[in-house]
């Protein structure tokens, strides 16, 4: 569950979830940014392992579309790793920690659970 939430957070840079899930996710999100700041082969492999990324092989149809320039055929996990190390890592290079913010939102209709928005800070 946290691997999928972490991928969504990296991809969209903000997600809406419950407060306990956000507080638990913050730990993993900050760890991934710390790895991305180092940007070595070992840290890339560790991030891939921690996020449980699976690079699926492209089918023949997807490979043909990719050769024509259609990048939507690529695995989104690959794009998440690239964004983590090429966009988010350099953005927080000068920051020592505290890369995420949790903002409380309205309670969810139905079960009255406190919702919040977890997002990466802008530098």
PDB file of N, CA and C in Angstrom:
ATOM      1  N   UNK A   1       0.826  -1.185   0.000  1.00  0.00           N
ATOM      2  CA  UNK A   1       0.000   0.000   0.000  1.00  0.00           C
ATOM      3  C   UNK A   1       0.877   1.258   0.000  1.00  0.00           C
ATOM      4  N   UNK A   2       1.921   1.269   0.858  1.00  0.00           N
ATOM      5  CA  UNK A   2       2.753   2.458   0.929  1.00  0.00           C
ATOM      6  C   UNK A   2       3.593   2.640  -0.329  1.00  0.00           C
ATOM      7  N   UNK A   3       3.970   1.547  -0.985  1.00  0.00           N
ATOM      8  CA  UNK A   3       4.733   1.677  -2.225  1.00  0.00           C
ATOM      9  C   UNK A   3       3.902   2.381  -3.290  1.00  0.00           C
ATOM     10  N   UNK A   4       2.633   2.018  -3.421  1.00  0.00           N
ATOM     11  CA  UNK A   4       1.766   2.674  -4.399  1.00  0.00           C
ATOM     12  C   UNK A   4       1.497   4.122  -4.020  1.00  0.00           C
ATOM     13  N   UNK A   5       1.306   4.387  -2.738  1.00  0.00           N
ATOM     14  CA  UNK A   5       1.089   5.764  -2.300  1.00  0.00           C
ATOM     15  C   UNK A   5       2.339   6.608  -2.547  1.00  0.00           C
ATOM     16  N   UNK A   6       3.508   6.021  -2.313  1.00  0.00           N
ATOM     17  CA  UNK A   6       4.758   6.736  -2.533  1.00  0.00           C
ATOM     18  C   UNK A   6       4.960   7.048  -4.012  1.00  0.00           C
ATOM     19  N   UNK A   7       4.636   6.098  -4.879  1.00  0.00           N
ATOM     20  CA  UNK A   7       4.734   6.343  -6.321  1.00  0.00           C
ATOM     21  C   UNK A   7       3.793   7.464  -6.743  1.00  0.00           C
ATOM     22  N   UNK A   8       2.581   7.473  -6.208  1.00  0.00           N
ATOM     23  CA  UNK A   8       1.626   8.535  -6.531  1.00  0.00           C
ATOM     24  C   UNK A   8       2.105   9.880  -6.013  1.00  0.00           C
ATOM     25  N   UNK A   9       2.701   9.895  -4.832  1.00  0.00           N
ATOM     26  CA  UNK A   9       3.211  11.145  -4.272  1.00  0.00           C
ATOM     27  C   UNK A   9       4.351  11.693  -5.117  1.00  0.00           C
ATOM     28  N   UNK A  10       5.250  10.840  -5.554  1.00  0.00           N
ATOM     29  CA  UNK A  10       6.362  11.292  -6.390  1.00  0.00           C
ATOM     30  C   UNK A  10       5.847  11.770  -7.738  1.00  0.00           C
ATOM     31  N   UNK A  11       4.905  11.056  -8.308  1.00  0.00           N
ATOM     32  CA  UNK A  11       4.379  11.404  -9.627  1.00  0.00           C
ATOM     33  C   UNK A  11       3.595  12.716  -9.596  1.00  0.00           C
ATOM     34  N   UNK A  12       2.716  12.890  -8.615  1.00  0.00           N
ATOM     35  CA  UNK A  12       1.839  14.065  -8.567  1.00  0.00           C
ATOM     36  C   UNK A  12       2.323  15.146  -7.616  1.00  0.00           C
ATOM     37  N   UNK A  13       3.278  14.833  -6.770  1.00  0.00           N
ATOM     38  CA  UNK A  13       3.853  15.707  -5.754  1.00  0.00           C
ATOM     39  C   UNK A  13       2.875  16.103  -4.655  1.00  0.00           C
ATOM     40  N   UNK A  14       1.658  15.587  -4.667  1.00  0.00           N
ATOM     41  CA  UNK A  14       0.705  15.772  -3.571  1.00  0.00           C
ATOM     42  C   UNK A  14      -0.412  14.759  -3.717  1.00  0.00           C
ATOM     43  N   UNK A  15      -0.853  14.213  -2.582  1.00  0.00           N
ATOM     44  CA  UNK A  15      -1.979  13.289  -2.587  1.00  0.00           C
ATOM     45  C   UNK A  15      -2.837  13.568  -1.362  1.00  0.00           C
ATOM     46  N   UNK A  16      -4.090  13.159  -1.439  1.00  0.00           N
ATOM     47  CA  UNK A  16      -5.005  13.293  -0.316  1.00  0.00           C
ATOM     48  C   UNK A  16      -5.232  11.912   0.286  1.00  0.00           C
ATOM     49  N   UNK A  17      -5.065  11.823   1.599  1.00  0.00           N
ATOM     50  CA  UNK A  17      -5.205  10.551   2.297  1.00  0.00           C
ATOM     51  C   UNK A  17      -5.595  10.824   3.746  1.00  0.00           C
ATOM     52  N   UNK A  18      -5.682   9.779   4.537  1.00  0.00           N
ATOM     53  CA  UNK A  18      -6.005   9.961   5.952  1.00  0.00           C
ATOM     54  C   UNK A  18      -4.744  10.365   6.718  1.00  0.00           C
ATOM     55  N   UNK A  19      -4.929  10.959   7.874  1.00  0.00           N
ATOM     56  CA  UNK A  19      -3.802  11.463   8.659  1.00  0.00           C
ATOM     57  C   UNK A  19      -2.845  10.349   9.099  1.00  0.00           C
ATOM     58  N   UNK A  20      -3.314   9.225   9.632  1.00  0.00           N
ATOM     59  CA  UNK A  20      -2.352   8.179  10.027  1.00  0.00           C
ATOM     60  C   UNK A  20      -1.535   7.635   8.851  1.00  0.00           C
ATOM     61  N   UNK A  21      -2.170   7.480   7.703  1.00  0.00           N
ATOM     62  CA  UNK A  21      -1.437   7.003   6.525  1.00  0.00           C
ATOM     63  C   UNK A  21      -0.406   8.033   6.084  1.00  0.00           C
ATOM     64  N   UNK A  22      -0.758   9.313   6.133  1.00  0.00           N
ATOM     65  CA  UNK A  22       0.167  10.372   5.722  1.00  0.00           C
ATOM     66  C   UNK A  22       1.376  10.437   6.646  1.00  0.00           C
ATOM     67  N   UNK A  23       1.141  10.290   7.937  1.00  0.00           N
ATOM     68  CA  UNK A  23       2.253  10.332   8.886  1.00  0.00           C
ATOM     69  C   UNK A  23       3.200   9.152   8.681  1.00  0.00           C
ATOM     70  N   UNK A  24       2.669   7.999   8.346  1.00  0.00           N
ATOM     71  CA  UNK A  24       3.513   6.838   8.069  1.00  0.00           C
ATOM     72  C   UNK A  24       4.224   6.988   6.723  1.00  0.00           C
ATOM     73  N   UNK A  25       3.536   7.557   5.738  1.00  0.00           N
ATOM     74  CA  UNK A  25       4.112   7.741   4.406  1.00  0.00           C
ATOM     75  C   UNK A  25       5.234   8.762   4.422  1.00  0.00           C
ATOM     76  N   UNK A  26       5.140   9.760   5.290  1.00  0.00           N
ATOM     77  CA  UNK A  26       6.154  10.815   5.362  1.00  0.00           C
ATOM     78  C   UNK A  26       7.542  10.218   5.586  1.00  0.00           C
ATOM     79  N   UNK A  27       7.624   9.199   6.414  1.00  0.00           N
ATOM     80  CA  UNK A  27       8.908   8.560   6.714  1.00  0.00           C
ATOM     81  C   UNK A  27       9.552   7.991   5.449  1.00  0.00           C
ATOM     82  N   UNK A  28       8.758   7.298   4.640  1.00  0.00           N
ATOM     83  CA  UNK A  28       9.279   6.707   3.408  1.00  0.00           C
ATOM     84  C   UNK A  28       9.596   7.776   2.359  1.00  0.00           C
ATOM     85  N   UNK A  29       8.764   8.799   2.276  1.00  0.00           N
ATOM     86  CA  UNK A  29       8.973   9.857   1.289  1.00  0.00           C
ATOM     87  C   UNK A  29      10.268  10.613   1.569  1.00  0.00           C
ATOM     88  N   UNK A  30      10.524  10.918   2.827  1.00  0.00           N
ATOM     89  CA  UNK A  30      11.757  11.616   3.175  1.00  0.00           C
ATOM     90  C   UNK A  30      12.985  10.738   2.922  1.00  0.00           C
ATOM     91  N   UNK A  31      12.845   9.439   3.161  1.00  0.00           N
ATOM     92  CA  UNK A  31      13.956   8.525   2.910  1.00  0.00           C
ATOM     93  C   UNK A  31      14.292   8.475   1.412  1.00  0.00           C
ATOM     94  N   UNK A  32      13.275   8.490   0.555  1.00  0.00           N
ATOM     95  CA  UNK A  32      13.509   8.446  -0.891  1.00  0.00           C
ATOM     96  C   UNK A  32      14.205   9.717  -1.384  1.00  0.00           C
ATOM     97  N   UNK A  33      13.833  10.872  -0.834  1.00  0.00           N
ATOM     98  CA  UNK A  33      14.492  12.119  -1.233  1.00  0.00           C
ATOM     99  C   UNK A  33      15.952  12.106  -0.793  1.00  0.00           C
ATOM    100  N   UNK A  34      16.223  11.584   0.391  1.00  0.00           N
ATOM    101  CA  UNK A  34      17.601  11.485   0.864  1.00  0.00           C
ATOM    102  C   UNK A  34      18.426  10.601  -0.066  1.00  0.00           C
ATOM    103  N   UNK A  35      17.840   9.511  -0.536  1.00  0.00           N
ATOM    104  CA  UNK A  35      18.541   8.662  -1.502  1.00  0.00           C
ATOM    105  C   UNK A  35      18.735   9.385  -2.827  1.00  0.00           C
ATOM    106  N   UNK A  36      17.724  10.132  -3.268  1.00  0.00           N
ATOM    107  CA  UNK A  36      17.795  10.821  -4.560  1.00  0.00           C
ATOM    108  C   UNK A  36      18.833  11.937  -4.547  1.00  0.00           C
ATOM    109  N   UNK A  37      19.090  12.523  -3.398  1.00  0.00           N
ATOM    110  CA  UNK A  37      20.093  13.584  -3.314  1.00  0.00           C
ATOM    111  C   UNK A  37      21.492  13.048  -3.586  1.00  0.00           C
ATOM    112  N   UNK A  38      21.752  11.785  -3.221  1.00  0.00           N
ATOM    113  CA  UNK A  38      23.071  11.192  -3.450  1.00  0.00           C
ATOM    114  C   UNK A  38      23.267  10.831  -4.918  1.00  0.00           C
ATOM    115  N   UNK A  39      22.228  10.314  -5.581  1.00  0.00           N
ATOM    116  CA  UNK A  39      22.204  10.017  -7.014  1.00  0.00           C
ATOM    117  C   UNK A  39      23.385   9.168  -7.481  1.00  0.00           C
ATOM    118  N   UNK A  40      23.543   8.010  -6.888  1.00  0.00           N
ATOM    119  CA  UNK A  40      24.524   7.041  -7.357  1.00  0.00           C
ATOM    120  C   UNK A  40      23.773   5.796  -7.818  1.00  0.00           C
ATOM    121  N   UNK A  41      24.485   4.899  -8.451  1.00  0.00           N
ATOM    122  CA  UNK A  41      23.860   3.662  -8.914  1.00  0.00           C
ATOM    123  C   UNK A  41      23.319   2.853  -7.735  1.00  0.00           C
ATOM    124  N   UNK A  42      24.066   2.830  -6.654  1.00  0.00           N
ATOM    125  CA  UNK A  42      23.626   2.079  -5.476  1.00  0.00           C
ATOM    126  C   UNK A  42      22.348   2.670  -4.883  1.00  0.00           C
ATOM    127  N   UNK A  43      22.245   4.005  -4.844  1.00  0.00           N
ATOM    128  CA  UNK A  43      21.036   4.614  -4.282  1.00  0.00           C
ATOM    129  C   UNK A  43      19.846   4.419  -5.206  1.00  0.00           C
ATOM    130  N   UNK A  44      20.084   4.408  -6.518  1.00  0.00           N
ATOM    131  CA  UNK A  44      18.991   4.117  -7.457  1.00  0.00           C
ATOM    132  C   UNK A  44      18.467   2.696  -7.243  1.00  0.00           C
ATOM    133  N   UNK A  45      19.371   1.752  -7.105  1.00  0.00           N
ATOM    134  CA  UNK A  45      18.956   0.366  -6.893  1.00  0.00           C
ATOM    135  C   UNK A  45      18.224   0.203  -5.566  1.00  0.00           C
ATOM    136  N   UNK A  46      18.684   0.915  -4.557  1.00  0.00           N
ATOM    137  CA  UNK A  46      18.008   0.824  -3.258  1.00  0.00           C
ATOM    138  C   UNK A  46      16.611   1.435  -3.319  1.00  0.00           C
ATOM    139  N   UNK A  47      16.464   2.559  -4.034  1.00  0.00           N
ATOM    140  CA  UNK A  47      15.144   3.184  -4.184  1.00  0.00           C
ATOM    141  C   UNK A  47      14.199   2.263  -4.949  1.00  0.00           C
ATOM    142  N   UNK A  48      14.702   1.633  -5.993  1.00  0.00           N
ATOM    143  CA  UNK A  48      13.885   0.694  -6.768  1.00  0.00           C
ATOM    144  C   UNK A  48      13.446  -0.464  -5.881  1.00  0.00           C
ATOM    145  N   UNK A  49      14.356  -0.951  -5.053  1.00  0.00           N
ATOM    146  CA  UNK A  49      14.031  -2.053  -4.152  1.00  0.00           C
ATOM    147  C   UNK A  49      13.010  -1.636  -3.094  1.00  0.00           C
ATOM    148  N   UNK A  50      13.198  -0.461  -2.496  1.00  0.00           N
ATOM    149  CA  UNK A  50      12.300  -0.002  -1.427  1.00  0.00           C
ATOM    150  C   UNK A  50      10.899   0.293  -1.954  1.00  0.00           C
ATOM    151  N   UNK A  51      10.814   0.800  -3.195  1.00  0.00           N
ATOM    152  CA  UNK A  51       9.509   1.141  -3.762  1.00  0.00           C
ATOM    153  C   UNK A  51       8.870  -0.044  -4.464  1.00  0.00           C
ATOM    154  N   UNK A  52       9.545  -1.194  -4.456  1.00  0.00           N
ATOM    155  CA  UNK A  52       9.033  -2.408  -5.089  1.00  0.00           C
ATOM    156  C   UNK A  52       8.645  -2.169  -6.546  1.00  0.00           C
ATOM    157  N   UNK A  53       9.541  -1.528  -7.277  1.00  0.00           N
ATOM    158  CA  UNK A  53       9.302  -1.211  -8.682  1.00  0.00           C
ATOM    159  C   UNK A  53       9.559  -2.450  -9.519  1.00  0.00           C
ATOM    160  N   UNK A  54       8.671  -2.710 -10.429  1.00  0.00           N
ATOM    161  CA  UNK A  54       8.817  -3.822 -11.362  1.00  0.00           C
ATOM    162  C   UNK A  54       8.816  -3.247 -12.773  1.00  0.00           C
ATOM    163  N   UNK A  55       9.927  -3.443 -13.480  1.00  0.00           N
ATOM    164  CA  UNK A  55      10.002  -2.969 -14.853  1.00  0.00           C
ATOM    165  C   UNK A  55       9.489  -4.070 -15.766  1.00  0.00           C
ATOM    166  N   UNK A  56       8.290  -3.905 -16.243  1.00  0.00           N
ATOM    167  CA  UNK A  56       7.697  -4.893 -17.129  1.00  0.00           C
ATOM    168  C   UNK A  56       8.270  -4.737 -18.527  1.00  0.00           C
ATOM    169  N   UNK A  57       8.433  -5.850 -19.210  1.00  0.00           N
ATOM    170  CA  UNK A  57       8.895  -5.804 -20.588  1.00  0.00           C
ATOM    171  C   UNK A  57       7.769  -5.285 -21.474  1.00  0.00           C
ATOM    172  N   UNK A  58       8.131  -4.503 -22.478  1.00  0.00           N
ATOM    173  CA  UNK A  58       7.130  -3.965 -23.392  1.00  0.00           C
ATOM    174  C   UNK A  58       6.688  -5.050 -24.366  1.00  0.00           C
ATOM    175  N   UNK A  59       5.419  -5.040 -24.688  1.00  0.00           N
ATOM    176  CA  UNK A  59       4.926  -5.948 -25.720  1.00  0.00           C
ATOM    177  C   UNK A  59       5.389  -5.427 -27.069  1.00  0.00           C
ATOM    178  N   UNK A  60       5.232  -6.235 -28.120  1.00  0.00           N
ATOM    179  CA  UNK A  60       5.651  -5.807 -29.454  1.00  0.00           C
ATOM    180  C   UNK A  60       4.912  -4.542 -29.877  1.00  0.00           C
ATOM    181  N   UNK A  61       3.636  -4.482 -29.593  1.00  0.00           N
ATOM    182  CA  UNK A  61       2.832  -3.318 -29.962  1.00  0.00           C
ATOM    183  C   UNK A  61       3.314  -2.063 -29.225  1.00  0.00           C
ATOM    184  N   UNK A  62       3.615  -2.203 -27.930  1.00  0.00           N
ATOM    185  CA  UNK A  62       4.108  -1.067 -27.154  1.00  0.00           C
ATOM    186  C   UNK A  62       5.494  -0.639 -27.623  1.00  0.00           C
ATOM    187  N   UNK A  63       6.336  -1.599 -27.997  1.00  0.00           N
ATOM    188  CA  UNK A  63       7.680  -1.279 -28.483  1.00  0.00           C
ATOM    189  C   UNK A  63       7.612  -0.510 -29.795  1.00  0.00           C
ATOM    190  N   UNK A  64       6.703  -0.915 -30.690  1.00  0.00           N
ATOM    191  CA  UNK A  64       6.545  -0.177 -31.952  1.00  0.00           C
ATOM    192  C   UNK A  64       6.069   1.248 -31.687  1.00  0.00           C
ATOM    193  N   UNK A  65       5.126   1.404 -30.774  1.00  0.00           N
ATOM    194  CA  UNK A  65       4.623   2.740 -30.437  1.00  0.00           C
ATOM    195  C   UNK A  65       5.723   3.585 -29.803  1.00  0.00           C
ATOM    196  N   UNK A  66       6.570   2.972 -28.994  1.00  0.00           N
ATOM    197  CA  UNK A  66       7.657   3.702 -28.347  1.00  0.00           C
ATOM    198  C   UNK A  66       8.686   4.170 -29.362  1.00  0.00           C
ATOM    199  N   UNK A  67       8.961   3.348 -30.380  1.00  0.00           N
ATOM    200  CA  UNK A  67       9.906   3.749 -31.421  1.00  0.00           C
ATOM    201  C   UNK A  67       9.377   4.924 -32.228  1.00  0.00           C
ATOM    202  N   UNK A  68       8.051   5.034 -32.318  1.00  0.00           N
ATOM    203  CA  UNK A  68       7.444   6.144 -33.057  1.00  0.00           C
ATOM    204  C   UNK A  68       7.357   7.414 -32.214  1.00  0.00           C
ATOM    205  N   UNK A  69       7.735   7.326 -30.949  1.00  0.00           N
ATOM    206  CA  UNK A  69       7.734   8.507 -30.096  1.00  0.00           C
ATOM    207  C   UNK A  69       6.600   8.576 -29.099  1.00  0.00           C
ATOM    208  N   UNK A  70       5.771   7.550 -29.044  1.00  0.00           N
ATOM    209  CA  UNK A  70       4.670   7.527 -28.083  1.00  0.00           C
ATOM    210  C   UNK A  70       5.219   7.054 -26.737  1.00  0.00           C
ATOM    211  N   UNK A  71       5.486   7.995 -25.836  1.00  0.00           N
ATOM    212  CA  UNK A  71       6.093   7.639 -24.554  1.00  0.00           C
ATOM    213  C   UNK A  71       5.085   7.108 -23.550  1.00  0.00           C
ATOM    214  N   UNK A  72       3.803   7.150 -23.860  1.00  0.00           N
ATOM    215  CA  UNK A  72       2.819   6.623 -22.918  1.00  0.00           C
ATOM    216  C   UNK A  72       2.924   5.105 -22.790  1.00  0.00           C
ATOM    217  N   UNK A  73       3.645   4.468 -23.703  1.00  0.00           N
ATOM    218  CA  UNK A  73       3.796   3.019 -23.655  1.00  0.00           C
ATOM    219  C   UNK A  73       4.791   2.585 -22.583  1.00  0.00           C
ATOM    220  N   UNK A  74       5.644   3.515 -22.140  1.00  0.00           N
ATOM    221  CA  UNK A  74       6.647   3.161 -21.144  1.00  0.00           C
ATOM    222  C   UNK A  74       6.014   2.910 -19.789  1.00  0.00           C
ATOM    223  N   UNK A  75       6.659   2.110 -19.034  1.00  0.00           N
ATOM    224  CA  UNK A  75       6.202   1.781 -17.691  1.00  0.00           C
ATOM    225  C   UNK A  75       6.251   3.032 -16.819  1.00  0.00           C
ATOM    226  N   UNK A  76       5.170   3.317 -16.111  1.00  0.00           N
ATOM    227  CA  UNK A  76       5.133   4.521 -15.286  1.00  0.00           C
ATOM    228  C   UNK A  76       6.110   4.437 -14.117  1.00  0.00           C
ATOM    229  N   UNK A  77       6.450   3.221 -13.677  1.00  0.00           N
ATOM    230  CA  UNK A  77       7.427   3.095 -12.597  1.00  0.00           C
ATOM    231  C   UNK A  77       8.784   3.649 -13.021  1.00  0.00           C
ATOM    232  N   UNK A  78       9.134   3.459 -14.261  1.00  0.00           N
ATOM    233  CA  UNK A  78      10.390   3.981 -14.785  1.00  0.00           C
ATOM    234  C   UNK A  78      10.377   5.514 -14.746  1.00  0.00           C
ATOM    235  N   UNK A  79       9.238   6.108 -15.086  1.00  0.00           N
ATOM    236  CA  UNK A  79       9.118   7.564 -15.064  1.00  0.00           C
ATOM    237  C   UNK A  79       9.167   8.100 -13.641  1.00  0.00           C
ATOM    238  N   UNK A  80       8.630   7.353 -12.691  1.00  0.00           N
ATOM    239  CA  UNK A  80       8.659   7.772 -11.287  1.00  0.00           C
ATOM    240  C   UNK A  80      10.098   7.805 -10.779  1.00  0.00           C
ATOM    241  N   UNK A  81      10.873   6.782 -11.082  1.00  0.00           N
ATOM    242  CA  UNK A  81      12.280   6.744 -10.656  1.00  0.00           C
ATOM    243  C   UNK A  81      13.055   7.885 -11.300  1.00  0.00           C
ATOM    244  N   UNK A  82      12.822   8.123 -12.598  1.00  0.00           N
ATOM    245  CA  UNK A  82      13.508   9.219 -13.280  1.00  0.00           C
ATOM    246  C   UNK A  82      13.155  10.563 -12.657  1.00  0.00           C
ATOM    247  N   UNK A  83      11.889  10.770 -12.334  1.00  0.00           N
ATOM    248  CA  UNK A  83      11.478  12.041 -11.727  1.00  0.00           C
ATOM    249  C   UNK A  83      12.097  12.198 -10.345  1.00  0.00           C
ATOM    250  N   UNK A  84      12.146  11.118  -9.590  1.00  0.00           N
ATOM    251  CA  UNK A  84      12.723  11.176  -8.251  1.00  0.00           C
ATOM    252  C   UNK A  84      14.174  11.632  -8.302  1.00  0.00           C
ATOM    253  N   UNK A  85      14.964  11.066  -9.221  1.00  0.00           N
ATOM    254  CA  UNK A  85      16.389  11.368  -9.255  1.00  0.00           C
ATOM    255  C   UNK A  85      16.750  12.579 -10.109  1.00  0.00           C
ATOM    256  N   UNK A  86      15.908  12.974 -11.058  1.00  0.00           N
ATOM    257  CA  UNK A  86      16.267  14.111 -11.911  1.00  0.00           C
ATOM    258  C   UNK A  86      15.566  15.407 -11.523  1.00  0.00           C
ATOM    259  N   UNK A  87      14.416  15.327 -10.848  1.00  0.00           N
ATOM    260  CA  UNK A  87      13.672  16.542 -10.487  1.00  0.00           C
ATOM    261  C   UNK A  87      13.690  16.779  -8.979  1.00  0.00           C
ATOM    262  N   UNK A  88      13.230  15.796  -8.224  1.00  0.00           N
ATOM    263  CA  UNK A  88      13.076  15.998  -6.784  1.00  0.00           C
ATOM    264  C   UNK A  88      14.411  16.002  -6.038  1.00  0.00           C
ATOM    265  N   UNK A  89      15.341  15.153  -6.414  1.00  0.00           N
ATOM    266  CA  UNK A  89      16.648  15.125  -5.749  1.00  0.00           C
ATOM    267  C   UNK A  89      17.379  16.451  -5.844  1.00  0.00           C
ATOM    268  N   UNK A  90      17.560  16.997  -7.060  1.00  0.00           N
ATOM    269  CA  UNK A  90      18.220  18.299  -7.171  1.00  0.00           C
ATOM    270  C   UNK A  90      17.445  19.442  -6.509  1.00  0.00           C
ATOM    271  N   UNK A  91      16.118  19.348  -6.474  1.00  0.00           N
ATOM    272  CA  UNK A  91      15.317  20.411  -5.865  1.00  0.00           C
ATOM    273  C   UNK A  91      15.627  20.558  -4.375  1.00  0.00           C
ATOM    274  N   UNK A  92      15.858  19.435  -3.710  1.00  0.00           N
ATOM    275  CA  UNK A  92      16.095  19.462  -2.273  1.00  0.00           C
ATOM    276  C   UNK A  92      17.569  19.275  -1.919  1.00  0.00           C
ATOM    277  N   UNK A  93      18.473  19.536  -2.859  1.00  0.00           N
ATOM    278  CA  UNK A  93      19.899  19.300  -2.623  1.00  0.00           C
ATOM    279  C   UNK A  93      20.444  20.124  -1.462  1.00  0.00           C
ATOM    280  N   UNK A  94      19.947  21.335  -1.272  1.00  0.00           N
ATOM    281  CA  UNK A  94      20.472  22.196  -0.215  1.00  0.00           C
ATOM    282  C   UNK A  94      19.687  22.082   1.091  1.00  0.00           C
ATOM    283  N   UNK A  95      18.660  21.290   1.109  1.00  0.00           N
ATOM    284  CA  UNK A  95      17.807  21.159   2.297  1.00  0.00           C
ATOM    285  C   UNK A  95      18.247  19.940   3.113  1.00  0.00           C
ATOM    286  N   UNK A  96      18.316  20.091   4.430  1.00  0.00           N
ATOM    287  CA  UNK A  96      18.824  19.023   5.292  1.00  0.00           C
ATOM    288  C   UNK A  96      17.773  17.981   5.643  1.00  0.00           C
ATOM    289  N   UNK A  97      16.512  18.307   5.574  1.00  0.00           N
ATOM    290  CA  UNK A  97      15.458  17.359   5.926  1.00  0.00           C
ATOM    291  C   UNK A  97      14.114  18.047   5.904  1.00  0.00           C
ATOM    292  N   UNK A  98      13.065  17.314   6.226  1.00  0.00           N
ATOM    293  CA  UNK A  98      11.729  17.894   6.243  1.00  0.00           C
ATOM    294  C   UNK A  98      11.254  18.266   4.853  1.00  0.00           C
ATOM    295  N   UNK A  99      11.170  17.287   3.974  1.00  0.00           N
ATOM    296  CA  UNK A  99      10.839  17.546   2.577  1.00  0.00           C
ATOM    297  C   UNK A  99       9.340  17.547   2.306  1.00  0.00           C
ATOM    298  N   UNK A 100       8.540  17.081   3.259  1.00  0.00           N
ATOM    299  CA  UNK A 100       7.099  16.974   3.040  1.00  0.00           C
ATOM    300  C   UNK A 100       6.331  17.828   4.036  1.00  0.00           C
ATOM    301  N   UNK A 101       5.101  18.133   3.666  1.00  0.00           N
ATOM    302  CA  UNK A 101       4.195  18.910   4.506  1.00  0.00           C
ATOM    303  C   UNK A 101       2.876  18.166   4.569  1.00  0.00           C
ATOM    304  N   UNK A 102       2.270  18.127   5.751  1.00  0.00           N
ATOM    305  CA  UNK A 102       0.946  17.531   5.924  1.00  0.00           C
ATOM    306  C   UNK A 102      -0.008  18.639   6.336  1.00  0.00           C
ATOM    307  N   UNK A 103      -1.042  18.856   5.513  1.00  0.00           N
ATOM    308  CA  UNK A 103      -2.047  19.884   5.779  1.00  0.00           C
ATOM    309  C   UNK A 103      -3.379  19.178   5.992  1.00  0.00           C
ATOM    310  N   UNK A 104      -4.004  19.422   7.123  1.00  0.00           N
ATOM    311  CA  UNK A 104      -5.279  18.767   7.410  1.00  0.00           C
ATOM    312  C   UNK A 104      -6.384  19.376   6.558  1.00  0.00           C
ATOM    313  N   UNK A 105      -7.280  18.516   6.105  1.00  0.00           N
ATOM    314  CA  UNK A 105      -8.407  18.923   5.266  1.00  0.00           C
ATOM    315  C   UNK A 105      -9.704  18.545   5.985  1.00  0.00           C
ATOM    316  N   UNK A 106     -10.807  18.652   5.261  1.00  0.00           N
ATOM    317  CA  UNK A 106     -12.105  18.342   5.858  1.00  0.00           C
ATOM    318  C   UNK A 106     -12.216  16.852   6.161  1.00  0.00           C
ATOM    319  N   UNK A 107     -13.156  16.549   7.016  1.00  0.00           N
ATOM    320  CA  UNK A 107     -13.425  15.153   7.333  1.00  0.00           C
ATOM    321  C   UNK A 107     -14.168  14.494   6.179  1.00  0.00           C
ATOM    322  N   UNK A 108     -13.903  13.203   5.983  1.00  0.00           N
ATOM    323  CA  UNK A 108     -14.506  12.455   4.886  1.00  0.00           C
ATOM    324  C   UNK A 108     -15.963  12.137   5.209  1.00  0.00           C
ATOM    325  N   UNK A 109     -16.824  12.324   4.199  1.00  0.00           N
ATOM    326  CA  UNK A 109     -18.235  11.994   4.358  1.00  0.00           C
ATOM    327  C   UNK A 109     -18.368  10.476   4.360  1.00  0.00           C
ATOM    328  N   UNK A 110     -19.143   9.958   5.273  1.00  0.00           N
ATOM    329  CA  UNK A 110     -19.347   8.516   5.332  1.00  0.00           C
ATOM    330  C   UNK A 110     -18.838   7.945   6.630  1.00  0.00           C
ATOM    331  N   UNK A 111     -17.524   8.100   6.883  1.00  0.00           N
ATOM    332  CA  UNK A 111     -16.987   7.553   8.129  1.00  0.00           C
ATOM    333  C   UNK A 111     -16.365   8.620   9.024  1.00  0.00           C
ATOM    334  N   UNK A 112     -16.420   9.887   8.609  1.00  0.00           N
ATOM    335  CA  UNK A 112     -15.979  11.027   9.417  1.00  0.00           C
ATOM    336  C   UNK A 112     -14.498  10.937   9.778  1.00  0.00           C
ATOM    337  N   UNK A 113     -13.688  10.377   8.896  1.00  0.00           N
ATOM    338  CA  UNK A 113     -12.253  10.265   9.120  1.00  0.00           C
ATOM    339  C   UNK A 113     -11.570  11.570   8.747  1.00  0.00           C
ATOM    340  N   UNK A 114     -10.605  11.984   9.561  1.00  0.00           N
ATOM    341  CA  UNK A 114      -9.852  13.209   9.283  1.00  0.00           C
ATOM    342  C   UNK A 114      -8.966  12.984   8.057  1.00  0.00           C
ATOM    343  N   UNK A 115      -9.153  13.792   7.028  1.00  0.00           N
ATOM    344  CA  UNK A 115      -8.363  13.703   5.804  1.00  0.00           C
ATOM    345  C   UNK A 115      -7.267  14.766   5.834  1.00  0.00           C
ATOM    346  N   UNK A 116      -6.239  14.560   5.026  1.00  0.00           N
ATOM    347  CA  UNK A 116      -5.172  15.547   4.924  1.00  0.00           C
ATOM    348  C   UNK A 116      -4.538  15.451   3.544  1.00  0.00           C
ATOM    349  N   UNK A 117      -3.743  16.451   3.241  1.00  0.00           N
ATOM    350  CA  UNK A 117      -2.993  16.488   1.991  1.00  0.00           C
ATOM    351  C   UNK A 117      -1.519  16.423   2.360  1.00  0.00           C
ATOM    352  N   UNK A 118      -0.815  15.452   1.802  1.00  0.00           N
ATOM    353  CA  UNK A 118       0.633  15.370   1.988  1.00  0.00           C
ATOM    354  C   UNK A 118       1.260  15.788   0.673  1.00  0.00           C
ATOM    355  N   UNK A 119       2.245  16.685   0.751  1.00  0.00           N
ATOM    356  CA  UNK A 119       2.855  17.224  -0.463  1.00  0.00           C
ATOM    357  C   UNK A 119       4.323  17.513  -0.220  1.00  0.00           C
ATOM    358  N   UNK A 120       5.083  17.537  -1.319  1.00  0.00           N
ATOM    359  CA  UNK A 120       6.478  17.935  -1.242  1.00  0.00           C
ATOM    360  C   UNK A 120       6.545  19.447  -1.192  1.00  0.00           C
ATOM    361  N   UNK A 121       7.493  19.970  -0.428  1.00  0.00           N
ATOM    362  CA  UNK A 121       7.671  21.408  -0.325  1.00  0.00           C
ATOM    363  C   UNK A 121       8.262  21.945  -1.620  1.00  0.00           C
ATOM    364  N   UNK A 122       7.985  23.201  -1.902  1.00  0.00           N
ATOM    365  CA  UNK A 122       8.583  23.863  -3.061  1.00  0.00           C
ATOM    366  C   UNK A 122       9.786  24.657  -2.593  1.00  0.00           C
ATOM    367  N   UNK A 123      10.870  24.561  -3.333  1.00  0.00           N
ATOM    368  CA  UNK A 123      12.061  25.344  -3.003  1.00  0.00           C
ATOM    369  C   UNK A 123      12.204  26.481  -3.957  1.00  0.00           C
TER     370      UNK A 123
END
